[in-house]
Amino acid sequence: MYFMASLRLSTVNPILPSPPTAARAPERQPRRAELPAAFRPQRPAAGEPWRAAAAAAAEEEVDEAEAARCPPAAAAAAEEEEEDEELHLAKRRKVLCSEFAAITSSDAAVARSFLAGNGWHMQRALNAYFDPPSEKEEKEEAAGGVPPACAGPGSCIDLTADATTSNAGVNSADSRQQEDDSSFSLITWNIAGLDLGNLKERVRGICSYLALYNPDVVFLQEVIPPHLCLLQMRAGSYTIIPGNVDGYFTVIMLKKPRVKLLKHEIIPFPTTSMMRNLLVVHVSISGNELCLMTSHLESTKNHSKERVKQLQIMLNKMQKEPESTTVIFGGDTNLRDSEVTKLGNLPNNIMDIWEFLGKPQHCRYTWDTNSNTNLDAEYKCKMRFDRIYFRPAADGGHIIPRSMDLIGLEKLDCGRFPSDHWGLLCNFDVIL
C-alpha cells in the first residue's frame, strides 16, 4: 500500500451559505472531531440535496485548513515513510523472484514476468507457469468461451477424466465399481520435489503415471507446494491429505468415491532435523476398515539413529490400531536391512510385502544410481529404500497382497526420469 499525500484547493460554492465569520475558530482551534456541535457539518435529511452539497463543501474546507497547518516535519516524515515502504516492497519482490526462480529452475526475468503478470501472488504465478493455457484455451477465452477443465497436450494429464456428469455415466461407473470391489491398488513414490531440475516436465510425468495406473490409494513423499497445488487442481477425483504445507512433505491421495476418508492425524517425530512426520488416515474400502500410513524417514547414513527411532514410532502406531483394522504403511524409509535387524526385525504381526511376495528381484531396488541417472552420481549403488509394510486384521483373509512392480522406469522427453526413486505399485485382493 502506498501513502500519497496531496494538497487540493477548492472553492466553496458561492450560492451556498457560508459559516458566519464570528463562528470561525481561533488560530489554535481543536481538530475537526472536537469542533462544537453547532459548527460540525450536519448529515443531510432525506430530500435535501442542497444540504448534502453544503456539508461536503464544509468538510472539504476543514480538511484543507488542517492540511495547510501540517508542519513541514510531518510532510518530510510522510515522504520518508513512503520511501521506506517502496524499499520494503522492492526487497519483497526480489525475494519472491528468487524463490520463484529456485522452484521453477528459471531465471530472474522469467520469474519477474510471471509474478508481475499475476499481481505478485506466488501461488497464482506458479500455477500459470506449471499449467499454462493451451492455444485452444486462449482462443476460447478471447472469444468469451469457458476453457475446459483439462488443458491440452502441452499441459499436465487431467486425473479427473473418469469423472461422470450423466446418469448413464454414473451407472457405468457403478458397474465398474462392482467389478473392482475384489481388488484395490496402491502407489508409493518419492517424487523428488527438492530436485529443481526439469521440475515442470517431471511433475507432468508423475501425473501421467497416476492417470495411467489410476490407483485407489497414493502415497507421495518429498512433495513441494507447487506439486500440491497442481494435484489439487488436476486430481479432482481424489481426496488429498497433505502432511504439511510448507517446505516439503508427504501426501496421501484417496480415490473417490471408492475410498472413503473417516479421519486423519499427523504424528510428529520429536527429534527430526529434516521436517519429517507420520501421516495417518483411516478409510473404508469395500466395507473393510483400513489404517493407511506414509512417511519419509530421516535421510542419509549419518542419521541412522534418528531413522531407527522414527521406524519404531511407526511400528508402534501400526500395532496400536484395533485388531479388526488392516494397517498398511508405504513410504521412503531410507532403511538399510541392517537397521531393521538391529531393531530386532519386524514384529510378528507386521510383514514386509516384498518379502511376503517371495522377494521378487524385478522390484527389489527402488533407488538405483546405476539405472537412474537423475542425480548424475559418481558413486554407484542400489538400495531398497522404499518399502510397504502390512498388518492384516486379526480375523484375517479380508485383504491379501497380490503383486508388486516398479514404475517410473522410462525417461521423459527432457532426458530425465520423473524421480531419482522408482515408484512402487502394489495390488491387493479383497476377499468379499
Protein backbone atom coordinates (compact mmCIF):
# COMPACT_ATOMS: atom_id res chain seq x y z
CA MET A 1 0.00 0.00 0.00
CA TYR A 2 1.38 3.36 -0.92
CA PHE A 3 0.84 6.57 1.10
CA MET A 4 0.24 9.57 -1.13
CA ALA A 5 -0.02 12.98 0.49
CA SER A 6 -1.69 15.61 -1.65
CA LEU A 7 -2.96 19.12 -1.11
CA ARG A 8 -6.04 20.07 -3.10
CA LEU A 9 -7.54 23.60 -3.38
CA SER A 10 -11.21 24.11 -3.93
CA THR A 11 -13.73 26.91 -3.64
CA VAL A 12 -16.91 26.76 -1.69
CA ASN A 13 -19.94 27.21 -3.91
CA PRO A 14 -20.82 30.92 -3.59
CA ILE A 15 -24.52 30.14 -3.83
CA LEU A 16 -24.39 28.05 -0.67
CA PRO A 17 -24.43 29.69 2.77
CA SER A 18 -21.02 30.03 4.46
CA PRO A 19 -20.45 29.66 8.18
CA PRO A 20 -20.66 33.02 9.98
CA THR A 21 -17.37 34.88 10.36
CA ALA A 22 -17.85 35.14 14.10
CA ALA A 23 -18.19 31.40 14.35
CA ARG A 24 -14.72 30.72 12.97
CA ALA A 25 -12.39 29.08 15.46
CA PRO A 26 -9.30 30.86 16.84
CA GLU A 27 -5.87 30.21 15.32
CA ARG A 28 -5.22 27.19 17.57
CA GLN A 29 -8.55 25.52 17.03
CA PRO A 30 -9.02 21.87 18.00
CA ARG A 31 -9.23 19.10 15.38
CA ARG A 32 -12.43 18.76 13.39
CA ALA A 33 -13.62 15.92 15.61
CA GLU A 34 -13.58 18.33 18.55
CA LEU A 35 -15.44 21.25 16.92
CA PRO A 36 -18.54 22.41 18.80
CA ALA A 37 -21.63 20.63 17.63
CA ALA A 38 -23.13 23.82 16.24
CA PHE A 39 -20.34 24.15 13.64
CA ARG A 40 -19.96 20.50 12.64
CA PRO A 41 -21.29 19.70 9.15
CA GLN A 42 -24.70 18.11 9.57
CA ARG A 43 -25.74 14.97 7.67
CA PRO A 44 -28.47 15.90 5.17
CA ALA A 45 -32.01 14.82 5.74
CA ALA A 46 -33.74 12.82 3.03
CA GLY A 47 -34.78 15.04 0.10
CA GLU A 48 -32.34 17.90 0.92
CA PRO A 49 -29.60 17.71 -1.75
CA TRP A 50 -28.57 21.31 -1.15
CA ARG A 51 -27.69 20.39 2.45
CA ALA A 52 -25.56 17.49 1.22
CA ALA A 53 -23.59 19.83 -1.03
CA ALA A 54 -23.14 22.30 1.80
CA ALA A 55 -21.95 19.63 4.20
CA ALA A 56 -19.45 18.31 1.64
CA ALA A 57 -18.12 21.80 0.99
CA ALA A 58 -17.75 22.50 4.72
CA GLU A 59 -15.89 19.23 5.31
CA GLU A 60 -13.61 19.97 2.37
CA GLU A 61 -12.80 23.42 3.76
CA VAL A 62 -11.89 21.99 7.19
CA ASP A 63 -9.74 19.28 5.57
CA GLU A 64 -7.85 21.94 3.60
CA ALA A 65 -7.34 24.02 6.73
CA GLU A 66 -5.90 21.04 8.58
CA ALA A 67 -3.64 20.15 5.65
CA ALA A 68 -2.40 23.74 5.49
CA ARG A 69 -1.50 23.63 9.18
CA CYS A 70 0.50 20.38 8.69
CA PRO A 71 4.09 21.33 9.59
CA PRO A 72 6.98 20.64 7.16
CA ALA A 73 8.34 17.96 9.51
CA ALA A 74 5.18 15.89 9.09
CA ALA A 75 5.43 16.12 5.31
CA ALA A 76 9.06 15.03 5.46
CA ALA A 77 8.12 12.10 7.71
CA ALA A 78 5.41 11.10 5.26
CA GLU A 79 7.88 11.14 2.38
CA GLU A 80 10.36 9.09 4.41
CA GLU A 81 7.63 6.58 5.26
CA GLU A 82 6.70 6.32 1.59
CA GLU A 83 10.33 5.69 0.64
CA ASP A 84 10.65 3.01 3.34
CA GLU A 85 7.53 1.25 2.07
CA GLU A 86 8.78 1.36 -1.51
CA LEU A 87 12.14 -0.07 -0.42
CA HIS A 88 10.42 -2.83 1.56
CA LEU A 89 8.21 -3.65 -1.43
CA ALA A 90 11.22 -3.83 -3.76
CA LYS A 91 13.04 -6.16 -1.38
CA ARG A 92 9.97 -8.36 -1.01
CA ARG A 93 9.58 -8.64 -4.77
CA LYS A 94 13.25 -9.52 -5.14
CA VAL A 95 12.81 -12.35 -2.62
CA LEU A 96 9.72 -13.58 -4.46
CA CYS A 97 11.66 -13.60 -7.75
CA SER A 98 14.47 -15.61 -6.15
CA GLU A 99 12.01 -18.13 -4.68
CA PHE A 100 10.13 -18.47 -7.99
CA ALA A 101 13.36 -18.94 -9.96
CA ALA A 102 14.57 -21.60 -7.50
CA ILE A 103 11.32 -23.57 -7.62
CA THR A 104 10.95 -23.43 -11.40
CA SER A 105 14.66 -23.56 -12.35
CA SER A 106 14.09 -20.39 -14.38
CA ASP A 107 15.90 -17.05 -14.40
CA ALA A 108 15.06 -13.72 -12.78
CA ALA A 109 13.48 -12.30 -15.94
CA VAL A 110 11.04 -15.21 -16.24
CA ALA A 111 10.26 -15.03 -12.54
CA ARG A 112 9.53 -11.29 -12.69
CA SER A 113 7.35 -11.72 -15.77
CA PHE A 114 5.14 -14.41 -14.22
CA LEU A 115 4.93 -12.73 -10.82
CA ALA A 116 4.15 -9.27 -12.24
CA GLY A 117 1.55 -10.78 -14.54
CA ASN A 118 -0.18 -12.40 -11.57
CA GLY A 119 -0.24 -9.49 -9.14
CA TRP A 120 2.94 -10.69 -7.38
CA HIS A 121 0.96 -13.59 -5.95
CA MET A 122 3.36 -16.55 -5.74
CA GLN A 123 0.81 -19.36 -5.93
CA ARG A 124 -1.01 -17.88 -8.94
CA ALA A 125 2.30 -17.28 -10.70
CA LEU A 126 3.39 -20.87 -10.10
CA ASN A 127 0.03 -22.11 -11.36
CA ALA A 128 0.45 -20.08 -14.52
CA TYR A 129 3.99 -21.38 -15.04
CA PHE A 130 3.32 -25.07 -14.38
CA ASP A 131 -0.09 -25.17 -16.02
CA PRO A 132 -0.09 -22.69 -18.92
CA PRO A 133 -3.24 -22.40 -21.06
CA SER A 134 -3.14 -24.16 -24.40
CA GLU A 135 -3.60 -22.25 -27.67
CA LYS A 136 -7.15 -23.59 -27.88
CA GLU A 137 -7.98 -22.32 -24.38
CA GLU A 138 -6.51 -18.91 -25.14
CA LYS A 139 -8.67 -18.62 -28.29
CA GLU A 140 -11.78 -19.71 -26.37
CA GLU A 141 -11.09 -17.21 -23.61
CA ALA A 142 -10.54 -14.45 -26.18
CA ALA A 143 -13.87 -15.38 -27.77
CA GLY A 144 -15.57 -15.25 -24.38
CA GLY A 145 -15.87 -19.01 -24.02
CA VAL A 146 -15.18 -21.10 -20.94
CA PRO A 147 -12.00 -23.22 -21.20
CA PRO A 148 -12.30 -26.93 -20.44
CA ALA A 149 -11.18 -28.33 -17.11
CA CYS A 150 -8.41 -30.32 -18.72
CA ALA A 151 -5.69 -28.47 -20.56
CA GLY A 152 -4.35 -29.54 -23.92
CA PRO A 153 -1.50 -31.89 -24.76
CA GLY A 154 1.08 -29.37 -23.63
CA SER A 155 -0.27 -29.43 -20.09
CA CYS A 156 -0.47 -31.95 -17.28
CA ILE A 157 -2.60 -35.06 -17.66
CA ASP A 158 -6.05 -34.50 -16.18
CA LEU A 159 -6.61 -37.03 -13.42
CA THR A 160 -10.33 -36.29 -13.35
CA ALA A 161 -11.01 -37.75 -16.81
CA ASP A 162 -13.15 -40.52 -15.36
CA ALA A 163 -15.50 -38.09 -13.60
CA THR A 164 -19.10 -38.62 -14.71
CA THR A 165 -21.70 -35.97 -15.42
CA SER A 166 -24.74 -38.01 -16.52
CA ASN A 167 -26.86 -40.82 -15.12
CA ALA A 168 -25.57 -43.16 -17.80
CA GLY A 169 -22.02 -42.33 -16.75
CA VAL A 170 -22.87 -42.91 -13.11
CA ASN A 171 -24.41 -46.30 -13.87
CA SER A 172 -21.34 -47.22 -15.87
CA ALA A 173 -19.11 -46.15 -13.01
CA ASP A 174 -21.21 -48.21 -10.58
CA SER A 175 -20.78 -51.32 -12.72
CA ARG A 176 -17.04 -50.76 -12.88
CA GLN A 177 -17.04 -50.25 -9.12
CA GLN A 178 -18.70 -53.62 -8.56
CA GLU A 179 -16.13 -55.29 -10.80
CA ASP A 180 -13.28 -53.62 -8.91
CA ASP A 181 -14.51 -54.42 -5.40
CA SER A 182 -12.46 -57.62 -5.41
CA SER A 183 -9.16 -55.70 -5.55
CA PHE A 184 -7.52 -52.36 -4.94
CA SER A 185 -4.19 -50.78 -5.88
CA LEU A 186 -1.68 -48.56 -4.12
CA ILE A 187 1.28 -46.49 -5.32
CA THR A 188 4.03 -45.12 -3.07
CA TRP A 189 6.61 -42.80 -4.62
CA ASN A 190 9.21 -40.29 -3.52
CA ILE A 191 8.76 -37.74 -6.33
CA ALA A 192 11.96 -35.76 -5.56
CA GLY A 193 10.43 -32.31 -5.22
CA LEU A 194 13.71 -30.97 -3.84
CA ASP A 195 15.36 -31.68 -7.20
CA LEU A 196 14.51 -28.48 -9.07
CA GLY A 197 15.92 -29.65 -12.39
CA ASN A 198 13.24 -30.13 -15.09
CA LEU A 199 10.64 -29.82 -12.35
CA LYS A 200 7.86 -28.86 -14.74
CA GLU A 201 8.41 -31.83 -17.07
CA ARG A 202 8.90 -34.30 -14.22
CA VAL A 203 5.72 -33.40 -12.37
CA ARG A 204 3.79 -33.84 -15.61
CA GLY A 205 5.38 -37.25 -15.99
CA ILE A 206 4.31 -38.23 -12.48
CA CYS A 207 0.74 -37.12 -13.20
CA SER A 208 0.82 -39.22 -16.38
CA TYR A 209 1.72 -42.32 -14.38
CA LEU A 210 -1.05 -41.65 -11.87
CA ALA A 211 -3.53 -41.25 -14.71
CA LEU A 212 -2.24 -44.42 -16.37
CA TYR A 213 -2.49 -46.72 -13.34
CA ASN A 214 -5.46 -44.94 -11.71
CA PRO A 215 -4.61 -46.28 -8.22
CA ASP A 216 -7.10 -46.31 -5.36
CA VAL A 217 -4.50 -45.02 -2.89
CA VAL A 218 -1.39 -42.91 -3.49
CA PHE A 219 1.42 -42.20 -1.02
CA LEU A 220 3.77 -39.41 -2.13
CA GLN A 221 6.92 -38.20 -0.41
CA GLU A 222 9.03 -35.10 -0.97
CA VAL A 223 6.08 -33.08 -2.25
CA ILE A 224 6.56 -29.30 -2.52
CA PRO A 225 3.82 -26.61 -2.59
CA PRO A 226 3.65 -26.33 -6.42
CA HIS A 227 3.11 -30.12 -6.60
CA LEU A 228 0.31 -29.91 -4.06
CA CYS A 229 -1.36 -27.04 -5.91
CA LEU A 230 -1.22 -28.91 -9.21
CA LEU A 231 -2.65 -32.08 -7.65
CA GLN A 232 -5.48 -30.12 -6.03
CA MET A 233 -6.34 -28.57 -9.40
CA ARG A 234 -6.00 -31.68 -11.56
CA ALA A 235 -6.79 -34.60 -9.27
CA GLY A 236 -10.41 -33.76 -8.53
CA SER A 237 -11.24 -37.47 -8.41
CA TYR A 238 -9.06 -37.83 -5.31
CA THR A 239 -9.32 -36.71 -1.72
CA ILE A 240 -5.92 -35.16 -0.97
CA ILE A 241 -4.47 -35.08 2.55
CA PRO A 242 -1.07 -33.35 2.98
CA GLY A 243 1.24 -33.98 5.93
CA ASN A 244 2.26 -30.32 5.86
CA VAL A 245 2.03 -27.33 3.51
CA ASP A 246 5.47 -25.76 3.96
CA GLY A 247 8.86 -26.80 2.68
CA TYR A 248 8.46 -30.39 1.56
CA PHE A 249 6.14 -33.04 2.93
CA THR A 250 4.12 -36.20 2.33
CA VAL A 251 0.67 -36.53 0.73
CA ILE A 252 -1.97 -39.27 0.74
CA MET A 253 -4.50 -39.39 -2.12
CA LEU A 254 -7.72 -41.42 -1.88
CA LYS A 255 -9.78 -42.31 -4.95
CA LYS A 256 -13.37 -41.01 -4.83
CA PRO A 257 -15.91 -42.38 -4.16
CA ARG A 258 -14.48 -45.82 -3.51
CA VAL A 259 -12.07 -44.94 -0.70
CA LYS A 260 -13.99 -43.10 2.00
CA LEU A 261 -11.97 -40.96 4.40
CA LEU A 262 -13.03 -41.44 8.03
CA LYS A 263 -10.38 -39.39 9.85
CA HIS A 264 -6.71 -38.48 9.70
CA GLU A 265 -3.89 -37.44 12.00
CA ILE A 266 -0.29 -36.27 11.81
CA ILE A 267 2.17 -37.78 14.29
CA PRO A 268 5.34 -35.70 14.75
CA PHE A 269 8.81 -37.14 15.00
CA PRO A 270 10.04 -35.12 18.02
CA THR A 271 13.77 -35.19 17.25
CA THR A 272 13.78 -34.93 13.46
CA SER A 273 16.10 -32.38 11.89
CA MET A 274 14.54 -32.80 8.43
CA MET A 275 10.86 -31.85 8.94
CA ARG A 276 9.72 -35.49 8.93
CA ASN A 277 6.49 -36.89 10.42
CA LEU A 278 4.00 -39.76 10.11
CA LEU A 279 0.79 -39.09 8.15
CA VAL A 280 -2.08 -41.43 9.09
CA VAL A 281 -5.56 -41.77 7.56
CA HIS A 282 -8.41 -44.11 8.45
CA VAL A 283 -10.55 -45.18 5.50
CA SER A 284 -13.18 -47.65 4.35
CA ILE A 285 -12.69 -49.70 1.15
CA SER A 286 -15.34 -52.19 0.02
CA GLY A 287 -16.67 -52.37 3.57
CA ASN A 288 -13.20 -53.01 5.05
CA GLU A 289 -11.75 -50.53 7.51
CA LEU A 290 -8.10 -49.71 6.87
CA CYS A 291 -5.48 -47.56 8.51
CA LEU A 292 -3.09 -46.12 5.89
CA MET A 293 0.25 -44.50 6.76
CA THR A 294 3.10 -42.84 4.92
CA SER A 295 6.34 -41.17 5.92
CA HIS A 296 9.72 -40.07 4.67
CA LEU A 297 12.13 -41.31 7.33
CA GLU A 298 15.34 -39.40 8.10
CA SER A 299 17.80 -39.47 5.22
CA THR A 300 21.49 -40.38 4.85
CA LYS A 301 23.69 -42.92 6.56
CA ASN A 302 24.77 -40.44 9.24
CA HIS A 303 21.20 -40.18 10.57
CA SER A 304 20.71 -43.89 11.17
CA LYS A 305 19.96 -43.48 14.87
CA GLU A 306 17.13 -40.99 14.25
CA ARG A 307 15.78 -43.08 11.38
CA VAL A 308 15.51 -46.18 13.59
CA LYS A 309 13.70 -44.12 16.25
CA GLN A 310 11.19 -42.99 13.62
CA LEU A 311 10.76 -46.57 12.41
CA GLN A 312 9.96 -47.64 15.97
CA ILE A 313 7.32 -44.88 16.31
CA MET A 314 5.72 -46.03 13.08
CA LEU A 315 5.71 -49.73 14.05
CA ASN A 316 4.25 -48.89 17.46
CA LYS A 317 1.44 -46.97 15.76
CA MET A 318 0.73 -49.89 13.43
CA GLN A 319 0.42 -52.25 16.40
CA LYS A 320 -1.81 -49.91 18.42
CA GLU A 321 -4.54 -49.87 15.79
CA PRO A 322 -7.62 -52.03 16.57
CA GLU A 323 -7.16 -55.70 15.66
CA SER A 324 -10.17 -55.54 13.36
CA THR A 325 -8.39 -52.95 11.18
CA THR A 326 -6.00 -53.74 8.34
CA VAL A 327 -2.93 -51.47 8.51
CA ILE A 328 -0.72 -50.57 5.53
CA PHE A 329 2.38 -48.38 5.63
CA GLY A 330 4.19 -47.26 2.49
CA GLY A 331 6.92 -44.71 2.02
CA ASP A 332 10.56 -43.78 1.59
CA THR A 333 12.08 -45.37 4.67
CA ASN A 334 15.75 -44.81 3.73
CA LEU A 335 16.29 -48.06 5.65
CA ARG A 336 19.23 -50.41 5.39
CA ASP A 337 18.46 -54.06 6.16
CA SER A 338 20.99 -53.96 8.99
CA GLU A 339 18.98 -51.24 10.75
CA VAL A 340 15.85 -53.39 10.77
CA THR A 341 17.93 -56.29 12.11
CA LYS A 342 19.35 -54.11 14.91
CA LEU A 343 15.79 -53.25 15.91
CA GLY A 344 15.07 -56.96 16.30
CA ASN A 345 13.34 -57.28 12.90
CA LEU A 346 9.67 -56.51 12.34
CA PRO A 347 7.02 -57.53 14.89
CA ASN A 348 5.47 -60.95 14.21
CA ASN A 349 2.14 -59.48 13.08
CA ILE A 350 3.72 -56.98 10.62
CA MET A 351 5.12 -58.15 7.29
CA ASP A 352 7.29 -56.59 4.60
CA ILE A 353 5.16 -57.11 1.48
CA TRP A 354 8.19 -57.51 -0.78
CA GLU A 355 9.36 -60.39 1.42
CA PHE A 356 5.83 -61.80 1.69
CA LEU A 357 5.64 -61.98 -2.13
CA GLY A 358 8.85 -64.03 -2.28
CA LYS A 359 11.39 -61.20 -2.70
CA PRO A 360 10.84 -60.64 -6.44
CA GLN A 361 14.10 -59.30 -7.86
CA HIS A 362 12.47 -57.13 -10.53
CA CYS A 363 11.20 -54.74 -7.83
CA ARG A 364 13.89 -55.08 -5.20
CA TYR A 365 15.83 -51.84 -5.64
CA THR A 366 13.88 -48.59 -5.65
CA TRP A 367 16.93 -46.30 -5.57
CA ASP A 368 19.46 -47.37 -8.18
CA THR A 369 22.13 -44.95 -9.35
CA ASN A 370 23.28 -47.50 -11.94
CA SER A 371 20.00 -47.30 -13.86
CA ASN A 372 18.65 -43.94 -12.71
CA THR A 373 20.87 -41.06 -13.84
CA ASN A 374 18.88 -38.17 -12.36
CA LEU A 375 21.45 -37.48 -9.65
CA ASP A 376 24.38 -37.87 -12.02
CA ALA A 377 26.15 -39.51 -9.09
CA GLU A 378 29.74 -40.65 -9.41
CA TYR A 379 29.08 -43.46 -6.92
CA LYS A 380 27.01 -46.45 -7.97
CA CYS A 381 24.74 -48.23 -5.51
CA LYS A 382 21.36 -49.98 -5.25
CA MET A 383 19.12 -49.65 -2.21
CA ARG A 384 15.65 -50.83 -1.19
CA PHE A 385 14.70 -47.53 0.40
CA ASP A 386 11.00 -47.60 -0.47
CA ARG A 387 9.02 -50.25 1.38
CA ILE A 388 5.44 -51.30 2.09
CA TYR A 389 4.55 -52.89 5.44
CA PHE A 390 1.30 -54.72 6.13
CA ARG A 391 -0.52 -55.75 9.30
CA PRO A 392 -3.61 -57.85 8.47
CA ALA A 393 -6.79 -57.67 10.52
CA ALA A 394 -6.90 -60.23 13.29
CA ASP A 395 -9.81 -62.16 11.73
CA GLY A 396 -7.55 -62.34 8.64
CA GLY A 397 -8.13 -63.06 5.00
CA HIS A 398 -10.05 -59.93 4.01
CA ILE A 399 -7.16 -58.17 2.23
CA ILE A 400 -4.16 -60.00 0.78
CA PRO A 401 -1.14 -58.53 -1.12
CA ARG A 402 -1.08 -59.94 -4.66
CA SER A 403 1.72 -58.26 -6.67
CA MET A 404 4.35 -55.53 -6.70
CA ASP A 405 6.04 -53.68 -9.57
CA LEU A 406 8.29 -50.68 -10.15
CA ILE A 407 7.03 -47.63 -12.04
CA GLY A 408 8.72 -44.54 -13.45
CA LEU A 409 11.35 -46.54 -15.33
CA GLU A 410 11.09 -44.61 -18.61
CA LYS A 411 12.94 -41.38 -19.33
CA LEU A 412 10.87 -38.33 -20.21
CA ASP A 413 11.38 -36.14 -23.27
CA CYS A 414 13.64 -33.90 -21.19
CA GLY A 415 16.09 -36.80 -20.87
CA ARG A 416 15.47 -37.43 -17.17
CA PHE A 417 13.29 -39.79 -15.15
CA PRO A 418 10.29 -38.46 -13.18
CA SER A 419 12.26 -39.01 -9.95
CA ASP A 420 15.54 -40.40 -8.67
CA HIS A 421 13.37 -43.07 -6.94
CA TRP A 422 11.36 -45.68 -8.74
CA GLY A 423 7.75 -45.82 -7.57
CA LEU A 424 6.15 -48.97 -6.15
CA LEU A 425 2.79 -50.21 -7.47
CA CYS A 426 1.17 -52.79 -5.19
CA ASN A 427 -2.07 -54.68 -5.89
CA PHE A 428 -4.24 -56.29 -3.22
CA ASP A 429 -7.04 -58.87 -3.36
CA VAL A 430 -10.14 -58.12 -1.33
CA ILE A 431 -11.95 -61.24 -0.09
CA LEU A 432 -15.66 -60.42 -0.08
